[in-house]
């Protein structure tokens, strides 16, 4: 664990686990919230309320940011796995 290989693989593994938590946990919860709002809109007369539109916009921002963090963490994971053998 003290070698370059061990440290690099540990960092990569940690980033991979964090990426999974963000990608599956946080993103899944946000997607479920967005889905529940979207399902409620067709049953309303007059379309979406301003509050629902604001909620959707906020959730979409969270999804975009979460996707970026997930991608970054998984890129770090892949880079660590690729270079670990050379350290």
PDB file of N, CA and C in Angstrom:
ATOM      1  N   UNK A   1       0.815  -1.195   0.000  1.00  0.00           N
ATOM      2  CA  UNK A   1       0.000   0.000   0.000  1.00  0.00           C
ATOM      3  C   UNK A   1       0.860   1.260   0.000  1.00  0.00           C
ATOM      4  N   UNK A   2       2.057   1.194   0.437  1.00  0.00           N
ATOM      5  CA  UNK A   2       2.909   2.369   0.477  1.00  0.00           C
ATOM      6  C   UNK A   2       3.627   2.632  -0.828  1.00  0.00           C
ATOM      7  N   UNK A   3       3.571   1.692  -1.745  1.00  0.00           N
ATOM      8  CA  UNK A   3       4.250   1.872  -3.024  1.00  0.00           C
ATOM      9  C   UNK A   3       3.431   2.766  -3.944  1.00  0.00           C
ATOM     10  N   UNK A   4       4.060   3.223  -5.021  1.00  0.00           N
ATOM     11  CA  UNK A   4       3.356   4.049  -5.994  1.00  0.00           C
ATOM     12  C   UNK A   4       2.173   3.318  -6.598  1.00  0.00           C
ATOM     13  N   UNK A   5       2.345   2.026  -6.865  1.00  0.00           N
ATOM     14  CA  UNK A   5       1.270   1.216  -7.413  1.00  0.00           C
ATOM     15  C   UNK A   5       0.085   1.174  -6.455  1.00  0.00           C
ATOM     16  N   UNK A   6       0.363   0.901  -5.190  1.00  0.00           N
ATOM     17  CA  UNK A   6      -0.707   0.793  -4.197  1.00  0.00           C
ATOM     18  C   UNK A   6      -1.449   2.102  -3.983  1.00  0.00           C
ATOM     19  N   UNK A   7      -0.700   3.191  -3.893  1.00  0.00           N
ATOM     20  CA  UNK A   7      -1.334   4.497  -3.685  1.00  0.00           C
ATOM     21  C   UNK A   7      -2.188   4.875  -4.894  1.00  0.00           C
ATOM     22  N   UNK A   8      -1.648   4.665  -6.080  1.00  0.00           N
ATOM     23  CA  UNK A   8      -2.380   5.027  -7.302  1.00  0.00           C
ATOM     24  C   UNK A   8      -3.647   4.196  -7.451  1.00  0.00           C
ATOM     25  N   UNK A   9      -3.557   2.905  -7.213  1.00  0.00           N
ATOM     26  CA  UNK A   9      -4.750   2.064  -7.304  1.00  0.00           C
ATOM     27  C   UNK A   9      -5.751   2.400  -6.207  1.00  0.00           C
ATOM     28  N   UNK A  10      -5.275   2.784  -5.026  1.00  0.00           N
ATOM     29  CA  UNK A  10      -6.188   3.188  -3.952  1.00  0.00           C
ATOM     30  C   UNK A  10      -6.930   4.462  -4.313  1.00  0.00           C
ATOM     31  N   UNK A  11      -6.233   5.431  -4.867  1.00  0.00           N
ATOM     32  CA  UNK A  11      -6.878   6.675  -5.290  1.00  0.00           C
ATOM     33  C   UNK A  11      -7.893   6.381  -6.393  1.00  0.00           C
ATOM     34  N   UNK A  12      -7.494   5.564  -7.344  1.00  0.00           N
ATOM     35  CA  UNK A  12      -8.406   5.200  -8.427  1.00  0.00           C
ATOM     36  C   UNK A  12      -9.629   4.457  -7.922  1.00  0.00           C
ATOM     37  N   UNK A  13      -9.424   3.545  -6.993  1.00  0.00           N
ATOM     38  CA  UNK A  13     -10.548   2.797  -6.424  1.00  0.00           C
ATOM     39  C   UNK A  13     -11.494   3.691  -5.646  1.00  0.00           C
ATOM     40  N   UNK A  14     -10.932   4.609  -4.874  1.00  0.00           N
ATOM     41  CA  UNK A  14     -11.753   5.543  -4.120  1.00  0.00           C
ATOM     42  C   UNK A  14     -12.563   6.446  -5.052  1.00  0.00           C
ATOM     43  N   UNK A  15     -11.918   6.938  -6.089  1.00  0.00           N
ATOM     44  CA  UNK A  15     -12.637   7.774  -7.070  1.00  0.00           C
ATOM     45  C   UNK A  15     -13.721   6.975  -7.785  1.00  0.00           C
ATOM     46  N   UNK A  16     -13.456   5.714  -8.074  1.00  0.00           N
ATOM     47  CA  UNK A  16     -14.459   4.872  -8.706  1.00  0.00           C
ATOM     48  C   UNK A  16     -15.666   4.651  -7.809  1.00  0.00           C
ATOM     49  N   UNK A  17     -15.412   4.414  -6.529  1.00  0.00           N
ATOM     50  CA  UNK A  17     -16.521   4.239  -5.589  1.00  0.00           C
ATOM     51  C   UNK A  17     -17.318   5.532  -5.417  1.00  0.00           C
ATOM     52  N   UNK A  18     -16.620   6.652  -5.310  1.00  0.00           N
ATOM     53  CA  UNK A  18     -17.312   7.940  -5.206  1.00  0.00           C
ATOM     54  C   UNK A  18     -18.125   8.224  -6.462  1.00  0.00           C
ATOM     55  N   UNK A  19     -17.568   7.889  -7.621  1.00  0.00           N
ATOM     56  CA  UNK A  19     -18.299   8.060  -8.872  1.00  0.00           C
ATOM     57  C   UNK A  19     -19.563   7.219  -8.906  1.00  0.00           C
ATOM     58  N   UNK A  20     -19.484   6.013  -8.381  1.00  0.00           N
ATOM     59  CA  UNK A  20     -20.667   5.145  -8.330  1.00  0.00           C
ATOM     60  C   UNK A  20     -21.714   5.703  -7.373  1.00  0.00           C
ATOM     61  N   UNK A  21     -21.270   6.205  -6.231  1.00  0.00           N
ATOM     62  CA  UNK A  21     -22.205   6.780  -5.264  1.00  0.00           C
ATOM     63  C   UNK A  21     -22.902   8.002  -5.852  1.00  0.00           C
ATOM     64  N   UNK A  22     -22.130   8.882  -6.467  1.00  0.00           N
ATOM     65  CA  UNK A  22     -22.721  10.082  -7.067  1.00  0.00           C
ATOM     66  C   UNK A  22     -23.615   9.691  -8.246  1.00  0.00           C
ATOM     67  N   UNK A  23     -23.113   8.824  -9.095  1.00  0.00           N
ATOM     68  CA  UNK A  23     -23.857   8.447 -10.291  1.00  0.00           C
ATOM     69  C   UNK A  23     -25.137   7.687 -10.000  1.00  0.00           C
ATOM     70  N   UNK A  24     -25.080   6.744  -9.090  1.00  0.00           N
ATOM     71  CA  UNK A  24     -26.262   5.929  -8.811  1.00  0.00           C
ATOM     72  C   UNK A  24     -27.143   6.540  -7.732  1.00  0.00           C
ATOM     73  N   UNK A  25     -26.530   7.025  -6.679  1.00  0.00           N
ATOM     74  CA  UNK A  25     -27.300   7.540  -5.555  1.00  0.00           C
ATOM     75  C   UNK A  25     -27.870   8.918  -5.791  1.00  0.00           C
ATOM     76  N   UNK A  26     -27.002   9.877  -5.942  1.00  0.00           N
ATOM     77  CA  UNK A  26     -27.434  11.271  -6.083  1.00  0.00           C
ATOM     78  C   UNK A  26     -28.184  11.480  -7.389  1.00  0.00           C
ATOM     79  N   UNK A  27     -27.626  10.997  -8.473  1.00  0.00           N
ATOM     80  CA  UNK A  27     -28.259  11.178  -9.775  1.00  0.00           C
ATOM     81  C   UNK A  27     -29.590  10.421  -9.850  1.00  0.00           C
ATOM     82  N   UNK A  28     -29.646   9.251  -9.271  1.00  0.00           N
ATOM     83  CA  UNK A  28     -30.887   8.479  -9.271  1.00  0.00           C
ATOM     84  C   UNK A  28     -32.001   9.174  -8.514  1.00  0.00           C
ATOM     85  N   UNK A  29     -31.655   9.756  -7.363  1.00  0.00           N
ATOM     86  CA  UNK A  29     -32.646  10.474  -6.577  1.00  0.00           C
ATOM     87  C   UNK A  29     -33.155  11.699  -7.332  1.00  0.00           C
ATOM     88  N   UNK A  30     -32.235  12.447  -7.951  1.00  0.00           N
ATOM     89  CA  UNK A  30     -32.641  13.626  -8.721  1.00  0.00           C
ATOM     90  C   UNK A  30     -33.502  13.248  -9.924  1.00  0.00           C
ATOM     91  N   UNK A  31     -33.145  12.172 -10.595  1.00  0.00           N
ATOM     92  CA  UNK A  31     -33.927  11.726 -11.746  1.00  0.00           C
ATOM     93  C   UNK A  31     -35.322  11.289 -11.314  1.00  0.00           C
ATOM     94  N   UNK A  32     -35.444  10.654 -10.152  1.00  0.00           N
ATOM     95  CA  UNK A  32     -36.751  10.240  -9.656  1.00  0.00           C
ATOM     96  C   UNK A  32     -37.620  11.456  -9.323  1.00  0.00           C
ATOM     97  N   UNK A  33     -37.009  12.480  -8.738  1.00  0.00           N
ATOM     98  CA  UNK A  33     -37.754  13.705  -8.448  1.00  0.00           C
ATOM     99  C   UNK A  33     -38.243  14.356  -9.738  1.00  0.00           C
ATOM    100  N   UNK A  34     -37.376  14.436 -10.724  1.00  0.00           N
ATOM    101  CA  UNK A  34     -37.748  15.032 -12.002  1.00  0.00           C
ATOM    102  C   UNK A  34     -38.878  14.238 -12.659  1.00  0.00           C
ATOM    103  N   UNK A  35     -38.787  12.926 -12.566  1.00  0.00           N
ATOM    104  CA  UNK A  35     -39.818  12.057 -13.150  1.00  0.00           C
ATOM    105  C   UNK A  35     -41.166  12.274 -12.462  1.00  0.00           C
ATOM    106  N   UNK A  36     -41.167  12.398 -11.139  1.00  0.00           N
ATOM    107  CA  UNK A  36     -42.434  12.583 -10.431  1.00  0.00           C
ATOM    108  C   UNK A  36     -43.071  13.924 -10.788  1.00  0.00           C
ATOM    109  N   UNK A  37     -42.285  14.962 -10.957  1.00  0.00           N
ATOM    110  CA  UNK A  37     -42.825  16.259 -11.371  1.00  0.00           C
ATOM    111  C   UNK A  37     -43.376  16.162 -12.787  1.00  0.00           C
ATOM    112  N   UNK A  38     -42.636  15.519 -13.669  1.00  0.00           N
ATOM    113  CA  UNK A  38     -43.059  15.399 -15.067  1.00  0.00           C
ATOM    114  C   UNK A  38     -44.342  14.577 -15.198  1.00  0.00           C
ATOM    115  N   UNK A  39     -44.522  13.580 -14.343  1.00  0.00           N
ATOM    116  CA  UNK A  39     -45.741  12.774 -14.392  1.00  0.00           C
ATOM    117  C   UNK A  39     -46.954  13.543 -13.906  1.00  0.00           C
ATOM    118  N   UNK A  40     -46.768  14.496 -13.007  1.00  0.00           N
ATOM    119  CA  UNK A  40     -47.883  15.252 -12.443  1.00  0.00           C
ATOM    120  C   UNK A  40     -48.392  16.330 -13.403  1.00  0.00           C
ATOM    121  N   UNK A  41     -47.544  16.804 -14.292  1.00  0.00           N
ATOM    122  CA  UNK A  41     -47.906  17.938 -15.151  1.00  0.00           C
ATOM    123  C   UNK A  41     -49.056  17.624 -16.126  1.00  0.00           C
ATOM    124  N   UNK A  42     -49.071  16.505 -16.841  1.00  0.00           N
ATOM    125  CA  UNK A  42     -50.157  16.275 -17.805  1.00  0.00           C
ATOM    126  C   UNK A  42     -51.547  16.229 -17.171  1.00  0.00           C
ATOM    127  N   UNK A  43     -51.661  15.863 -15.917  1.00  0.00           N
ATOM    128  CA  UNK A  43     -52.955  15.781 -15.261  1.00  0.00           C
ATOM    129  C   UNK A  43     -53.495  17.127 -14.803  1.00  0.00           C
ATOM    130  N   UNK A  44     -52.689  18.169 -14.917  1.00  0.00           N
ATOM    131  CA  UNK A  44     -53.104  19.489 -14.463  1.00  0.00           C
ATOM    132  C   UNK A  44     -53.708  20.281 -15.616  1.00  0.00           C
ATOM    133  N   UNK A  45     -54.685  21.069 -15.278  1.00  0.00           N
ATOM    134  CA  UNK A  45     -55.216  21.959 -16.316  1.00  0.00           C
ATOM    135  C   UNK A  45     -54.331  23.191 -16.380  1.00  0.00           C
ATOM    136  N   UNK A  46     -54.001  23.616 -17.559  1.00  0.00           N
ATOM    137  CA  UNK A  46     -53.164  24.802 -17.725  1.00  0.00           C
ATOM    138  C   UNK A  46     -51.685  24.506 -17.806  1.00  0.00           C
ATOM    139  N   UNK A  47     -51.279  23.263 -17.756  1.00  0.00           N
ATOM    140  CA  UNK A  47     -49.863  22.928 -17.881  1.00  0.00           C
ATOM    141  C   UNK A  47     -49.108  23.078 -16.572  1.00  0.00           C
ATOM    142  N   UNK A  48     -47.814  23.204 -16.699  1.00  0.00           N
ATOM    143  CA  UNK A  48     -46.935  23.270 -15.530  1.00  0.00           C
ATOM    144  C   UNK A  48     -47.060  24.619 -14.837  1.00  0.00           C
ATOM    145  N   UNK A  49     -46.997  24.569 -13.510  1.00  0.00           N
ATOM    146  CA  UNK A  49     -47.010  25.804 -12.735  1.00  0.00           C
ATOM    147  C   UNK A  49     -45.608  26.405 -12.734  1.00  0.00           C
ATOM    148  N   UNK A  50     -45.488  27.684 -12.434  1.00  0.00           N
ATOM    149  CA  UNK A  50     -44.147  28.290 -12.350  1.00  0.00           C
ATOM    150  C   UNK A  50     -43.261  27.610 -11.308  1.00  0.00           C
ATOM    151  N   UNK A  51     -43.860  27.119 -10.229  1.00  0.00           N
ATOM    152  CA  UNK A  51     -43.079  26.420  -9.203  1.00  0.00           C
ATOM    153  C   UNK A  51     -42.508  25.111  -9.754  1.00  0.00           C
ATOM    154  N   UNK A  52     -43.321  24.400 -10.521  1.00  0.00           N
ATOM    155  CA  UNK A  52     -42.851  23.144 -11.107  1.00  0.00           C
ATOM    156  C   UNK A  52     -41.744  23.401 -12.126  1.00  0.00           C
ATOM    157  N   UNK A  53     -41.889  24.447 -12.891  1.00  0.00           N
ATOM    158  CA  UNK A  53     -40.845  24.788 -13.864  1.00  0.00           C
ATOM    159  C   UNK A  53     -39.550  25.133 -13.154  1.00  0.00           C
ATOM    160  N   UNK A  54     -39.655  25.884 -12.058  1.00  0.00           N
ATOM    161  CA  UNK A  54     -38.459  26.244 -11.285  1.00  0.00           C
ATOM    162  C   UNK A  54     -37.828  25.002 -10.660  1.00  0.00           C
ATOM    163  N   UNK A  55     -38.667  24.090 -10.144  1.00  0.00           N
ATOM    164  CA  UNK A  55     -38.143  22.850  -9.573  1.00  0.00           C
ATOM    165  C   UNK A  55     -37.438  22.020 -10.634  1.00  0.00           C
ATOM    166  N   UNK A  56     -38.050  21.921 -11.806  1.00  0.00           N
ATOM    167  CA  UNK A  56     -37.424  21.160 -12.890  1.00  0.00           C
ATOM    168  C   UNK A  56     -36.084  21.763 -13.283  1.00  0.00           C
ATOM    169  N   UNK A  57     -36.013  23.071 -13.378  1.00  0.00           N
ATOM    170  CA  UNK A  57     -34.754  23.730 -13.739  1.00  0.00           C
ATOM    171  C   UNK A  57     -33.688  23.466 -12.691  1.00  0.00           C
ATOM    172  N   UNK A  58     -34.059  23.519 -11.414  1.00  0.00           N
ATOM    173  CA  UNK A  58     -33.089  23.261 -10.345  1.00  0.00           C
ATOM    174  C   UNK A  58     -32.602  21.821 -10.380  1.00  0.00           C
ATOM    175  N   UNK A  59     -33.517  20.889 -10.605  1.00  0.00           N
ATOM    176  CA  UNK A  59     -33.133  19.476 -10.661  1.00  0.00           C
ATOM    177  C   UNK A  59     -32.255  19.212 -11.882  1.00  0.00           C
ATOM    178  N   UNK A  60     -32.567  19.828 -13.001  1.00  0.00           N
ATOM    179  CA  UNK A  60     -31.734  19.651 -14.193  1.00  0.00           C
ATOM    180  C   UNK A  60     -30.324  20.188 -13.976  1.00  0.00           C
ATOM    181  N   UNK A  61     -30.196  21.294 -13.242  1.00  0.00           N
ATOM    182  CA  UNK A  61     -28.855  21.812 -12.913  1.00  0.00           C
ATOM    183  C   UNK A  61     -28.104  20.812 -12.048  1.00  0.00           C
ATOM    184  N   UNK A  62     -28.806  20.229 -11.059  1.00  0.00           N
ATOM    185  CA  UNK A  62     -28.176  19.228 -10.201  1.00  0.00           C
ATOM    186  C   UNK A  62     -27.743  18.007 -11.014  1.00  0.00           C
ATOM    187  N   UNK A  63     -28.599  17.586 -11.944  1.00  0.00           N
ATOM    188  CA  UNK A  63     -28.248  16.440 -12.785  1.00  0.00           C
ATOM    189  C   UNK A  63     -27.033  16.742 -13.653  1.00  0.00           C
ATOM    190  N   UNK A  64     -26.973  17.943 -14.219  1.00  0.00           N
ATOM    191  CA  UNK A  64     -25.833  18.318 -15.057  1.00  0.00           C
ATOM    192  C   UNK A  64     -24.545  18.341 -14.225  1.00  0.00           C
ATOM    193  N   UNK A  65     -24.601  18.967 -13.058  1.00  0.00           N
ATOM    194  CA  UNK A  65     -23.409  19.026 -12.211  1.00  0.00           C
ATOM    195  C   UNK A  65     -23.009  17.644 -11.706  1.00  0.00           C
ATOM    196  N   UNK A  66     -23.991  16.837 -11.340  1.00  0.00           N
ATOM    197  CA  UNK A  66     -23.697  15.478 -10.895  1.00  0.00           C
ATOM    198  C   UNK A  66     -23.082  14.639 -11.998  1.00  0.00           C
ATOM    199  N   UNK A  67     -23.557  14.830 -13.209  1.00  0.00           N
ATOM    200  CA  UNK A  67     -22.977  14.118 -14.347  1.00  0.00           C
ATOM    201  C   UNK A  67     -21.542  14.514 -14.595  1.00  0.00           C
ATOM    202  N   UNK A  68     -21.269  15.797 -14.428  1.00  0.00           N
ATOM    203  CA  UNK A  68     -19.881  16.260 -14.603  1.00  0.00           C
ATOM    204  C   UNK A  68     -18.974  15.675 -13.534  1.00  0.00           C
ATOM    205  N   UNK A  69     -19.444  15.668 -12.267  1.00  0.00           N
ATOM    206  CA  UNK A  69     -18.633  15.094 -11.194  1.00  0.00           C
ATOM    207  C   UNK A  69     -18.423  13.589 -11.401  1.00  0.00           C
ATOM    208  N   UNK A  70     -19.468  12.906 -11.814  1.00  0.00           N
ATOM    209  CA  UNK A  70     -19.343  11.474 -12.064  1.00  0.00           C
ATOM    210  C   UNK A  70     -18.331  11.203 -13.171  1.00  0.00           C
ATOM    211  N   UNK A  71     -18.415  11.961 -14.247  1.00  0.00           N
ATOM    212  CA  UNK A  71     -17.477  11.781 -15.359  1.00  0.00           C
ATOM    213  C   UNK A  71     -16.051  12.074 -14.913  1.00  0.00           C
ATOM    214  N   UNK A  72     -15.859  13.148 -14.155  1.00  0.00           N
ATOM    215  CA  UNK A  72     -14.516  13.493 -13.677  1.00  0.00           C
ATOM    216  C   UNK A  72     -13.949  12.388 -12.793  1.00  0.00           C
ATOM    217  N   UNK A  73     -14.749  11.901 -11.857  1.00  0.00           N
ATOM    218  CA  UNK A  73     -14.269  10.843 -10.967  1.00  0.00           C
ATOM    219  C   UNK A  73     -13.936   9.569 -11.736  1.00  0.00           C
ATOM    220  N   UNK A  74     -14.731   9.239 -12.740  1.00  0.00           N
ATOM    221  CA  UNK A  74     -14.446   8.027 -13.509  1.00  0.00           C
ATOM    222  C   UNK A  74     -13.243   8.205 -14.432  1.00  0.00           C
ATOM    223  N   UNK A  75     -13.011   9.417 -14.926  1.00  0.00           N
ATOM    224  CA  UNK A  75     -11.799   9.673 -15.714  1.00  0.00           C
ATOM    225  C   UNK A  75     -10.572   9.518 -14.822  1.00  0.00           C
ATOM    226  N   UNK A  76     -10.637  10.048 -13.610  1.00  0.00           N
ATOM    227  CA  UNK A  76      -9.517   9.884 -12.672  1.00  0.00           C
ATOM    228  C   UNK A  76      -9.282   8.406 -12.396  1.00  0.00           C
ATOM    229  N   UNK A  77     -10.361   7.644 -12.238  1.00  0.00           N
ATOM    230  CA  UNK A  77     -10.239   6.199 -12.003  1.00  0.00           C
ATOM    231  C   UNK A  77      -9.522   5.511 -13.152  1.00  0.00           C
ATOM    232  N   UNK A  78      -9.933   5.810 -14.356  1.00  0.00           N
ATOM    233  CA  UNK A  78      -9.334   5.177 -15.533  1.00  0.00           C
ATOM    234  C   UNK A  78      -7.864   5.574 -15.678  1.00  0.00           C
ATOM    235  N   UNK A  79      -7.561   6.845 -15.450  1.00  0.00           N
ATOM    236  CA  UNK A  79      -6.172   7.307 -15.558  1.00  0.00           C
ATOM    237  C   UNK A  79      -5.307   6.619 -14.502  1.00  0.00           C
ATOM    238  N   UNK A  80      -5.821   6.509 -13.287  1.00  0.00           N
ATOM    239  CA  UNK A  80      -5.053   5.832 -12.241  1.00  0.00           C
ATOM    240  C   UNK A  80      -4.801   4.362 -12.592  1.00  0.00           C
ATOM    241  N   UNK A  81      -5.789   3.689 -13.138  1.00  0.00           N
ATOM    242  CA  UNK A  81      -5.595   2.293 -13.526  1.00  0.00           C
ATOM    243  C   UNK A  81      -4.594   2.174 -14.675  1.00  0.00           C
ATOM    244  N   UNK A  82      -4.607   3.167 -15.556  1.00  0.00           N
ATOM    245  CA  UNK A  82      -3.720   3.103 -16.717  1.00  0.00           C
ATOM    246  C   UNK A  82      -2.257   3.360 -16.350  1.00  0.00           C
ATOM    247  N   UNK A  83      -2.008   4.255 -15.432  1.00  0.00           N
ATOM    248  CA  UNK A  83      -0.614   4.631 -15.124  1.00  0.00           C
ATOM    249  C   UNK A  83      -0.057   3.901 -13.912  1.00  0.00           C
ATOM    250  N   UNK A  84      -0.884   3.167 -13.156  1.00  0.00           N
ATOM    251  CA  UNK A  84      -0.420   2.544 -11.913  1.00  0.00           C
ATOM    252  C   UNK A  84       0.761   1.601 -12.134  1.00  0.00           C
ATOM    253  N   UNK A  85       0.770   0.879 -13.190  1.00  0.00           N
ATOM    254  CA  UNK A  85       1.844  -0.119 -13.391  1.00  0.00           C
ATOM    255  C   UNK A  85       3.201   0.535 -13.648  1.00  0.00           C
ATOM    256  N   UNK A  86       3.188   1.811 -14.038  1.00  0.00           N
ATOM    257  CA  UNK A  86       4.446   2.493 -14.310  1.00  0.00           C
ATOM    258  C   UNK A  86       5.014   3.200 -13.083  1.00  0.00           C
ATOM    259  N   UNK A  87       4.300   3.187 -11.996  1.00  0.00           N
ATOM    260  CA  UNK A  87       4.765   3.889 -10.786  1.00  0.00           C
ATOM    261  C   UNK A  87       5.416   2.954  -9.795  1.00  0.00           C
TER     262      UNK A  87
END
